[in-house]
Amino acid sequence: MYIGESFIGSGPNAAHVNIILGPRLGPVGNAWAGALSSPTKGHLPYMVVLQPGVPVKPMTAFINKADLRGETHENMTWGPAQAGLAKGVQESLLEGVIPAYAENDWCVIAAVWVNWTADNADAVFENNYQAAKGAITAAMAQLPTLATCAAAAKAVSNPFYTPKAG
């Protein structure tokens, strides 16, 4: 099992993608099947497609981290966020970041944040594309390193909060 994360962009069109990928026969495959078969109010997992009827390989489940709120948010999630994720996953396989043997034997779970106020479809697409590639690259390389984590722990911050020095 490989796990990765990437946050790209700023403001309402930023993308935060968490990726889990690995063999279908095992915990990733079990989680993939469970996610797709267990929708809840506002959270509708679905298979990621490059075009209607052309799913991404390895098969990828899109899990929305933000509950769906209104037509614009739904369209941003199902449209540009999904398309960016699709392109990022597919390129990662084609470029060898995901190994070729994973094409039909692995699956991907992507937990994706789309802000309720996202307002620029092209930015949502590009940020999710870059975040998907970044999360997959990090997962396959088992990044970050412990040294990177140790350095970051000295100045914890995220896009929503930076502690006061103390």
N, C-alpha and C. Protein backbone atom coordinates (compact mmCIF):
# COMPACT_ATOMS: atom_id res chain seq x y z
N MET A 1 0.85 -1.18 0.00
CA MET A 1 0.00 0.00 0.00
C MET A 1 0.90 1.24 0.00
N TYR A 2 0.53 2.19 -0.84
CA TYR A 2 1.26 3.45 -0.93
C TYR A 2 0.29 4.59 -0.61
N ILE A 3 0.78 5.58 0.14
CA ILE A 3 -0.07 6.68 0.60
C ILE A 3 0.65 7.99 0.29
N GLY A 4 -0.07 8.94 -0.30
CA GLY A 4 0.52 10.23 -0.62
C GLY A 4 -0.47 11.37 -0.47
N GLU A 5 0.06 12.58 -0.42
CA GLU A 5 -0.74 13.78 -0.20
C GLU A 5 -0.13 14.92 -0.99
N SER A 6 -0.99 15.82 -1.46
CA SER A 6 -0.50 17.04 -2.12
C SER A 6 -1.55 18.13 -2.02
N PHE A 7 -1.09 19.34 -1.74
CA PHE A 7 -1.94 20.53 -1.69
C PHE A 7 -1.37 21.52 -2.69
N ILE A 8 -2.18 21.91 -3.67
CA ILE A 8 -1.74 22.83 -4.73
C ILE A 8 -2.72 23.98 -4.85
N GLY A 9 -2.20 25.19 -5.02
CA GLY A 9 -3.03 26.36 -5.24
C GLY A 9 -3.35 27.09 -3.96
N SER A 10 -4.21 28.10 -4.09
CA SER A 10 -4.63 28.88 -2.94
C SER A 10 -6.06 29.35 -3.16
N GLY A 11 -6.66 29.78 -2.08
CA GLY A 11 -8.02 30.28 -2.18
C GLY A 11 -9.03 29.19 -2.50
N PRO A 12 -10.19 29.57 -3.00
CA PRO A 12 -11.27 28.61 -3.19
C PRO A 12 -11.03 27.58 -4.29
N ASN A 13 -10.05 27.80 -5.14
CA ASN A 13 -9.79 26.87 -6.25
C ASN A 13 -8.61 25.94 -5.98
N ALA A 14 -8.09 25.97 -4.76
CA ALA A 14 -6.98 25.09 -4.38
C ALA A 14 -7.45 23.64 -4.40
N ALA A 15 -6.49 22.74 -4.48
CA ALA A 15 -6.78 21.30 -4.46
C ALA A 15 -5.99 20.63 -3.35
N HIS A 16 -6.66 19.76 -2.62
CA HIS A 16 -5.99 18.93 -1.62
C HIS A 16 -6.39 17.50 -1.92
N VAL A 17 -5.41 16.69 -2.33
CA VAL A 17 -5.65 15.32 -2.74
C VAL A 17 -4.86 14.37 -1.84
N ASN A 18 -5.57 13.40 -1.29
CA ASN A 18 -4.96 12.29 -0.55
C ASN A 18 -5.14 11.05 -1.40
N ILE A 19 -4.06 10.29 -1.57
CA ILE A 19 -4.07 9.11 -2.44
C ILE A 19 -3.67 7.88 -1.65
N ILE A 20 -4.40 6.80 -1.87
CA ILE A 20 -4.00 5.47 -1.42
C ILE A 20 -4.03 4.60 -2.67
N LEU A 21 -2.95 3.88 -2.94
CA LEU A 21 -2.95 2.98 -4.08
C LEU A 21 -2.20 1.71 -3.76
N GLY A 22 -2.61 0.66 -4.42
CA GLY A 22 -1.97 -0.63 -4.20
C GLY A 22 -2.79 -1.74 -4.82
N PRO A 23 -2.39 -2.99 -4.58
CA PRO A 23 -3.05 -4.14 -5.19
C PRO A 23 -4.53 -4.23 -4.85
N ARG A 24 -5.31 -4.66 -5.85
CA ARG A 24 -6.75 -4.86 -5.64
C ARG A 24 -7.01 -5.96 -4.62
N LEU A 25 -6.14 -6.97 -4.63
CA LEU A 25 -6.29 -8.07 -3.68
C LEU A 25 -5.59 -7.68 -2.39
N GLY A 26 -6.33 -7.12 -1.47
CA GLY A 26 -5.75 -6.68 -0.21
C GLY A 26 -6.52 -5.51 0.35
N PRO A 27 -5.94 -4.81 1.31
CA PRO A 27 -6.67 -3.75 2.00
C PRO A 27 -7.09 -2.59 1.10
N VAL A 28 -6.28 -2.24 0.10
CA VAL A 28 -6.67 -1.13 -0.79
C VAL A 28 -7.89 -1.52 -1.61
N GLY A 29 -7.87 -2.73 -2.16
CA GLY A 29 -9.02 -3.19 -2.93
C GLY A 29 -10.28 -3.30 -2.08
N ASN A 30 -10.13 -3.80 -0.86
CA ASN A 30 -11.28 -3.88 0.04
C ASN A 30 -11.84 -2.50 0.36
N ALA A 31 -10.96 -1.54 0.63
CA ALA A 31 -11.40 -0.17 0.92
C ALA A 31 -12.04 0.46 -0.32
N TRP A 32 -11.49 0.20 -1.50
CA TRP A 32 -12.02 0.72 -2.76
C TRP A 32 -13.46 0.24 -2.95
N ALA A 33 -13.67 -1.07 -2.82
CA ALA A 33 -15.01 -1.63 -3.00
C ALA A 33 -15.97 -1.10 -1.94
N GLY A 34 -15.50 -1.01 -0.70
CA GLY A 34 -16.34 -0.49 0.37
C GLY A 34 -16.74 0.95 0.14
N ALA A 35 -15.81 1.76 -0.33
CA ALA A 35 -16.11 3.17 -0.57
C ALA A 35 -17.16 3.33 -1.67
N LEU A 36 -16.98 2.61 -2.76
CA LEU A 36 -17.93 2.75 -3.87
C LEU A 36 -19.31 2.22 -3.53
N SER A 37 -19.38 1.28 -2.62
CA SER A 37 -20.67 0.68 -2.29
C SER A 37 -21.32 1.30 -1.06
N SER A 38 -20.75 2.40 -0.55
CA SER A 38 -21.26 2.99 0.70
C SER A 38 -21.43 4.51 0.61
N PRO A 39 -22.20 5.00 -0.35
CA PRO A 39 -22.41 6.45 -0.39
C PRO A 39 -23.21 6.92 0.83
N THR A 40 -22.98 8.16 1.22
CA THR A 40 -23.74 8.78 2.30
C THR A 40 -24.24 10.13 1.81
N LYS A 41 -25.12 10.74 2.56
CA LYS A 41 -25.67 12.03 2.15
C LYS A 41 -24.55 13.04 1.91
N GLY A 42 -24.50 13.56 0.69
CA GLY A 42 -23.49 14.56 0.32
C GLY A 42 -22.16 13.99 -0.12
N HIS A 43 -21.97 12.68 0.05
CA HIS A 43 -20.71 12.03 -0.32
C HIS A 43 -21.03 10.84 -1.22
N LEU A 44 -20.76 11.03 -2.51
CA LEU A 44 -21.12 10.03 -3.52
C LEU A 44 -19.88 9.55 -4.24
N PRO A 45 -19.19 8.55 -3.70
CA PRO A 45 -17.99 8.03 -4.37
C PRO A 45 -18.32 7.52 -5.77
N TYR A 46 -17.39 7.73 -6.69
CA TYR A 46 -17.62 7.28 -8.07
C TYR A 46 -16.29 6.94 -8.73
N MET A 47 -16.38 6.18 -9.83
CA MET A 47 -15.19 5.84 -10.60
C MET A 47 -14.79 7.02 -11.46
N VAL A 48 -13.51 7.29 -11.50
CA VAL A 48 -12.97 8.40 -12.28
C VAL A 48 -12.84 7.98 -13.74
N VAL A 49 -13.30 8.86 -14.64
CA VAL A 49 -13.23 8.57 -16.07
C VAL A 49 -12.45 9.66 -16.80
N LEU A 50 -11.79 9.22 -17.87
CA LEU A 50 -11.13 10.16 -18.77
C LEU A 50 -12.16 10.79 -19.71
N GLN A 51 -13.10 9.99 -20.10
CA GLN A 51 -14.27 10.38 -20.89
C GLN A 51 -15.38 9.42 -20.49
N PRO A 52 -16.63 9.75 -20.74
CA PRO A 52 -17.69 8.79 -20.41
C PRO A 52 -17.40 7.42 -21.03
N GLY A 53 -17.43 6.40 -20.22
CA GLY A 53 -17.18 5.04 -20.68
C GLY A 53 -15.72 4.66 -20.78
N VAL A 54 -14.80 5.57 -20.40
CA VAL A 54 -13.36 5.29 -20.45
C VAL A 54 -12.77 5.57 -19.07
N PRO A 55 -12.84 4.58 -18.17
CA PRO A 55 -12.29 4.81 -16.84
C PRO A 55 -10.76 4.87 -16.85
N VAL A 56 -10.24 5.58 -15.87
CA VAL A 56 -8.81 5.69 -15.65
C VAL A 56 -8.26 4.30 -15.28
N LYS A 57 -7.02 4.06 -15.66
CA LYS A 57 -6.30 2.86 -15.20
C LYS A 57 -5.07 3.31 -14.44
N PRO A 58 -4.79 2.72 -13.29
CA PRO A 58 -5.62 1.77 -12.59
C PRO A 58 -6.97 2.40 -12.20
N MET A 59 -7.98 1.53 -12.05
CA MET A 59 -9.31 2.02 -11.67
C MET A 59 -9.19 2.88 -10.42
N THR A 60 -9.86 4.03 -10.47
CA THR A 60 -9.70 5.04 -9.42
C THR A 60 -11.06 5.45 -8.87
N ALA A 61 -11.18 5.47 -7.56
CA ALA A 61 -12.39 5.94 -6.89
C ALA A 61 -12.17 7.37 -6.42
N PHE A 62 -13.12 8.24 -6.73
CA PHE A 62 -13.10 9.64 -6.30
C PHE A 62 -13.99 9.74 -5.06
N ILE A 63 -13.40 10.17 -3.96
CA ILE A 63 -14.12 10.36 -2.71
C ILE A 63 -14.10 11.85 -2.41
N ASN A 64 -15.26 12.49 -2.43
CA ASN A 64 -15.29 13.93 -2.14
C ASN A 64 -15.21 14.16 -0.64
N LYS A 65 -14.22 14.98 -0.22
CA LYS A 65 -14.04 15.27 1.20
C LYS A 65 -15.04 16.32 1.67
N ALA A 66 -15.45 17.21 0.79
CA ALA A 66 -16.44 18.22 1.13
C ALA A 66 -17.80 17.72 0.66
N ASP A 67 -18.80 17.77 1.55
CA ASP A 67 -20.13 17.35 1.12
C ASP A 67 -20.61 18.24 -0.03
N LEU A 68 -21.33 17.62 -0.94
CA LEU A 68 -21.80 18.34 -2.13
C LEU A 68 -22.85 19.36 -1.71
N ARG A 69 -22.64 20.63 -2.17
CA ARG A 69 -23.53 21.72 -1.77
C ARG A 69 -23.89 22.57 -2.98
N GLY A 70 -24.94 22.23 -3.62
CA GLY A 70 -25.46 23.06 -4.70
C GLY A 70 -24.86 22.70 -6.05
N GLU A 71 -25.52 23.19 -7.09
CA GLU A 71 -25.17 22.82 -8.46
C GLU A 71 -23.75 23.24 -8.85
N THR A 72 -23.32 24.43 -8.48
CA THR A 72 -21.97 24.88 -8.85
C THR A 72 -20.92 23.98 -8.22
N HIS A 73 -21.05 23.71 -6.93
CA HIS A 73 -20.08 22.85 -6.24
C HIS A 73 -20.10 21.44 -6.81
N GLU A 74 -21.27 20.91 -7.08
CA GLU A 74 -21.37 19.58 -7.68
C GLU A 74 -20.66 19.55 -9.04
N ASN A 75 -20.90 20.56 -9.85
CA ASN A 75 -20.27 20.61 -11.17
C ASN A 75 -18.75 20.77 -11.07
N MET A 76 -18.27 21.55 -10.12
CA MET A 76 -16.82 21.70 -9.93
C MET A 76 -16.19 20.38 -9.49
N THR A 77 -16.91 19.62 -8.68
CA THR A 77 -16.42 18.33 -8.21
C THR A 77 -16.42 17.30 -9.33
N TRP A 78 -17.57 17.13 -9.98
CA TRP A 78 -17.72 16.09 -11.00
C TRP A 78 -17.05 16.47 -12.32
N GLY A 79 -16.85 17.77 -12.54
CA GLY A 79 -16.25 18.22 -13.80
C GLY A 79 -14.75 18.41 -13.69
N PRO A 80 -14.29 19.63 -13.42
CA PRO A 80 -12.85 19.89 -13.47
C PRO A 80 -12.02 19.15 -12.43
N ALA A 81 -12.55 18.94 -11.22
CA ALA A 81 -11.76 18.21 -10.22
C ALA A 81 -11.56 16.76 -10.67
N GLN A 82 -12.64 16.13 -11.14
CA GLN A 82 -12.51 14.75 -11.63
C GLN A 82 -11.59 14.69 -12.84
N ALA A 83 -11.74 15.62 -13.77
CA ALA A 83 -10.91 15.60 -14.98
C ALA A 83 -9.43 15.80 -14.64
N GLY A 84 -9.13 16.69 -13.71
CA GLY A 84 -7.74 16.90 -13.30
C GLY A 84 -7.17 15.65 -12.65
N LEU A 85 -7.95 15.03 -11.79
CA LEU A 85 -7.52 13.78 -11.15
C LEU A 85 -7.30 12.70 -12.20
N ALA A 86 -8.23 12.57 -13.13
CA ALA A 86 -8.12 11.56 -14.19
C ALA A 86 -6.82 11.72 -14.97
N LYS A 87 -6.55 12.94 -15.38
CA LYS A 87 -5.33 13.19 -16.15
C LYS A 87 -4.08 12.88 -15.32
N GLY A 88 -4.09 13.29 -14.06
CA GLY A 88 -2.93 13.05 -13.20
C GLY A 88 -2.66 11.58 -12.95
N VAL A 89 -3.72 10.80 -12.69
CA VAL A 89 -3.54 9.37 -12.46
C VAL A 89 -3.07 8.69 -13.74
N GLN A 90 -3.75 9.00 -14.87
CA GLN A 90 -3.40 8.31 -16.10
C GLN A 90 -1.97 8.63 -16.54
N GLU A 91 -1.58 9.88 -16.46
CA GLU A 91 -0.20 10.24 -16.81
C GLU A 91 0.81 9.54 -15.90
N SER A 92 0.46 9.41 -14.63
CA SER A 92 1.38 8.75 -13.69
C SER A 92 1.63 7.31 -14.09
N LEU A 93 0.61 6.62 -14.60
CA LEU A 93 0.81 5.25 -15.09
C LEU A 93 1.61 5.27 -16.38
N LEU A 94 1.23 6.12 -17.32
CA LEU A 94 1.90 6.17 -18.62
C LEU A 94 3.37 6.58 -18.51
N GLU A 95 3.70 7.41 -17.52
CA GLU A 95 5.07 7.88 -17.33
C GLU A 95 5.89 6.94 -16.45
N GLY A 96 5.28 5.89 -15.92
CA GLY A 96 6.01 4.92 -15.12
C GLY A 96 6.12 5.25 -13.64
N VAL A 97 5.49 6.32 -13.19
CA VAL A 97 5.50 6.62 -11.76
C VAL A 97 4.74 5.52 -11.02
N ILE A 98 3.58 5.17 -11.55
CA ILE A 98 2.87 3.96 -11.12
C ILE A 98 3.40 2.85 -12.03
N PRO A 99 3.84 1.73 -11.48
CA PRO A 99 4.43 0.69 -12.33
C PRO A 99 3.43 0.11 -13.33
N ALA A 100 3.92 -0.26 -14.51
CA ALA A 100 3.07 -0.76 -15.59
C ALA A 100 2.24 -1.96 -15.17
N TYR A 101 2.81 -2.84 -14.33
CA TYR A 101 2.06 -4.03 -13.92
C TYR A 101 0.84 -3.68 -13.07
N ALA A 102 0.74 -2.44 -12.59
CA ALA A 102 -0.38 -2.02 -11.76
C ALA A 102 -1.64 -1.72 -12.58
N GLU A 103 -1.50 -1.62 -13.89
CA GLU A 103 -2.62 -1.21 -14.75
C GLU A 103 -3.93 -1.91 -14.40
N ASN A 104 -3.92 -3.22 -14.33
CA ASN A 104 -5.14 -3.98 -14.07
C ASN A 104 -5.16 -4.66 -12.71
N ASP A 105 -4.07 -4.59 -11.97
CA ASP A 105 -3.98 -5.31 -10.70
C ASP A 105 -4.07 -4.41 -9.47
N TRP A 106 -3.97 -3.10 -9.65
CA TRP A 106 -4.05 -2.16 -8.55
C TRP A 106 -5.30 -1.31 -8.68
N CYS A 107 -5.61 -0.59 -7.62
CA CYS A 107 -6.65 0.43 -7.68
C CYS A 107 -6.16 1.63 -6.88
N VAL A 108 -6.82 2.75 -7.11
CA VAL A 108 -6.46 4.02 -6.48
C VAL A 108 -7.70 4.57 -5.78
N ILE A 109 -7.49 5.06 -4.58
CA ILE A 109 -8.54 5.79 -3.85
C ILE A 109 -8.02 7.22 -3.72
N ALA A 110 -8.82 8.17 -4.19
CA ALA A 110 -8.44 9.58 -4.10
C ALA A 110 -9.49 10.32 -3.28
N ALA A 111 -9.08 10.86 -2.15
CA ALA A 111 -9.93 11.73 -1.35
C ALA A 111 -9.60 13.15 -1.76
N VAL A 112 -10.59 13.86 -2.29
CA VAL A 112 -10.35 15.15 -2.95
C VAL A 112 -11.19 16.24 -2.30
N TRP A 113 -10.52 17.35 -1.96
CA TRP A 113 -11.22 18.52 -1.43
C TRP A 113 -11.52 19.48 -2.56
N VAL A 114 -12.78 19.83 -2.72
CA VAL A 114 -13.19 20.91 -3.61
C VAL A 114 -13.95 21.90 -2.74
N ASN A 115 -13.46 23.13 -2.66
CA ASN A 115 -14.05 24.16 -1.82
C ASN A 115 -15.47 24.47 -2.30
N TRP A 116 -16.36 24.72 -1.35
CA TRP A 116 -17.75 25.03 -1.70
C TRP A 116 -17.86 26.31 -2.51
N THR A 117 -16.87 27.18 -2.43
CA THR A 117 -16.93 28.45 -3.18
C THR A 117 -16.01 28.46 -4.40
N ALA A 118 -15.54 27.29 -4.83
CA ALA A 118 -14.70 27.22 -6.04
C ALA A 118 -15.44 27.93 -7.18
N ASP A 119 -14.69 28.75 -7.94
CA ASP A 119 -15.36 29.57 -8.96
C ASP A 119 -14.62 29.64 -10.29
N ASN A 120 -13.52 28.88 -10.41
CA ASN A 120 -12.74 28.92 -11.65
C ASN A 120 -12.44 27.49 -12.08
N ALA A 121 -13.23 27.00 -13.03
CA ALA A 121 -13.11 25.60 -13.44
C ALA A 121 -11.71 25.26 -13.94
N ASP A 122 -11.09 26.16 -14.69
CA ASP A 122 -9.74 25.87 -15.21
C ASP A 122 -8.72 25.76 -14.09
N ALA A 123 -8.84 26.61 -13.07
CA ALA A 123 -7.93 26.54 -11.92
C ALA A 123 -8.18 25.27 -11.12
N VAL A 124 -9.43 24.90 -10.93
CA VAL A 124 -9.76 23.66 -10.21
C VAL A 124 -9.17 22.46 -10.96
N PHE A 125 -9.31 22.45 -12.28
CA PHE A 125 -8.75 21.36 -13.09
C PHE A 125 -7.23 21.30 -12.92
N GLU A 126 -6.55 22.40 -13.15
CA GLU A 126 -5.08 22.41 -13.11
C GLU A 126 -4.56 22.07 -11.72
N ASN A 127 -5.18 22.60 -10.69
CA ASN A 127 -4.72 22.32 -9.33
C ASN A 127 -4.93 20.86 -8.96
N ASN A 128 -6.05 20.27 -9.37
CA ASN A 128 -6.29 18.86 -9.07
C ASN A 128 -5.38 17.96 -9.90
N TYR A 129 -5.10 18.34 -11.11
CA TYR A 129 -4.14 17.60 -11.94
C TYR A 129 -2.76 17.58 -11.27
N GLN A 130 -2.28 18.75 -10.88
CA GLN A 130 -0.97 18.84 -10.24
C GLN A 130 -0.96 18.14 -8.88
N ALA A 131 -2.04 18.27 -8.13
CA ALA A 131 -2.11 17.62 -6.81
C ALA A 131 -2.15 16.10 -6.95
N ALA A 132 -2.87 15.59 -7.95
CA ALA A 132 -2.90 14.14 -8.17
C ALA A 132 -1.51 13.62 -8.49
N LYS A 133 -0.83 14.30 -9.40
CA LYS A 133 0.53 13.86 -9.76
C LYS A 133 1.47 13.96 -8.56
N GLY A 134 1.34 15.03 -7.81
CA GLY A 134 2.20 15.21 -6.63
C GLY A 134 1.95 14.15 -5.57
N ALA A 135 0.68 13.85 -5.31
CA ALA A 135 0.35 12.85 -4.29
C ALA A 135 0.82 11.46 -4.72
N ILE A 136 0.66 11.13 -5.99
CA ILE A 136 1.09 9.82 -6.48
C ILE A 136 2.61 9.71 -6.45
N THR A 137 3.28 10.75 -6.88
CA THR A 137 4.75 10.75 -6.84
C THR A 137 5.25 10.58 -5.41
N ALA A 138 4.65 11.32 -4.48
CA ALA A 138 5.04 11.20 -3.07
C ALA A 138 4.77 9.79 -2.55
N ALA A 139 3.61 9.25 -2.89
CA ALA A 139 3.27 7.90 -2.42
C ALA A 139 4.27 6.87 -2.92
N MET A 140 4.55 6.89 -4.20
CA MET A 140 5.42 5.87 -4.78
C MET A 140 6.87 6.02 -4.31
N ALA A 141 7.27 7.23 -3.97
CA ALA A 141 8.63 7.46 -3.46
C ALA A 141 8.70 7.40 -1.94
N GLN A 142 7.54 7.14 -1.30
CA GLN A 142 7.42 7.10 0.15
C GLN A 142 7.93 8.38 0.80
N LEU A 143 7.47 9.49 0.24
CA LEU A 143 7.80 10.80 0.76
C LEU A 143 6.65 11.33 1.61
N PRO A 144 6.94 12.18 2.56
CA PRO A 144 8.22 12.82 2.83
C PRO A 144 9.14 11.91 3.64
N THR A 145 10.40 12.25 3.65
CA THR A 145 11.37 11.54 4.48
C THR A 145 11.17 11.97 5.93
N LEU A 146 11.70 11.17 6.84
CA LEU A 146 11.62 11.52 8.26
C LEU A 146 12.38 12.82 8.52
N ALA A 147 13.49 13.05 7.81
CA ALA A 147 14.25 14.30 7.99
C ALA A 147 13.40 15.51 7.59
N THR A 148 12.62 15.38 6.51
CA THR A 148 11.74 16.46 6.09
C THR A 148 10.67 16.71 7.15
N CYS A 149 10.11 15.64 7.70
CA CYS A 149 9.10 15.78 8.75
C CYS A 149 9.68 16.43 10.00
N ALA A 150 10.90 16.04 10.36
CA ALA A 150 11.54 16.62 11.54
C ALA A 150 11.75 18.12 11.37
N ALA A 151 12.18 18.53 10.19
CA ALA A 151 12.38 19.96 9.92
C ALA A 151 11.04 20.70 9.94
N ALA A 152 10.01 20.12 9.34
CA ALA A 152 8.70 20.76 9.29
C ALA A 152 8.07 20.88 10.67
N ALA A 153 8.37 19.92 11.54
CA ALA A 153 7.80 19.94 12.89
C ALA A 153 8.27 21.14 13.70
N LYS A 154 9.38 21.75 13.28
CA LYS A 154 9.91 22.92 13.98
C LYS A 154 9.15 24.20 13.61
N ALA A 155 8.36 24.15 12.53
CA ALA A 155 7.60 25.32 12.09
C ALA A 155 6.28 24.85 11.47
N VAL A 156 5.45 24.21 12.29
CA VAL A 156 4.18 23.66 11.81
C VAL A 156 3.31 24.78 11.26
N SER A 157 2.71 24.54 10.09
CA SER A 157 1.75 25.48 9.51
C SER A 157 0.97 24.76 8.42
N ASN A 158 -0.13 25.34 8.01
CA ASN A 158 -0.89 24.87 6.86
C ASN A 158 -1.60 26.07 6.25
N PRO A 159 -2.27 25.89 5.12
CA PRO A 159 -2.89 27.06 4.47
C PRO A 159 -3.95 27.77 5.31
N PHE A 160 -4.39 27.16 6.41
CA PHE A 160 -5.46 27.73 7.20
C PHE A 160 -5.03 28.23 8.57
N TYR A 161 -3.76 27.89 8.97
CA TYR A 161 -3.32 28.28 10.29
C TYR A 161 -1.81 28.16 10.42
N THR A 162 -1.21 29.17 11.03
CA THR A 162 0.21 29.14 11.41
C THR A 162 0.27 29.58 12.87
N PRO A 163 0.77 28.72 13.75
CA PRO A 163 0.84 29.09 15.18
C PRO A 163 1.76 30.31 15.40
N LYS A 164 1.43 31.07 16.41
CA LYS A 164 2.29 32.18 16.79
C LYS A 164 3.59 31.61 17.34
N ALA A 165 4.69 32.28 17.07
CA ALA A 165 5.99 31.83 17.61
C ALA A 165 5.92 31.93 19.12
N GLY A 166 6.50 30.94 19.77
CA GLY A 166 6.41 31.01 21.23
C GLY A 166 7.39 30.20 21.94
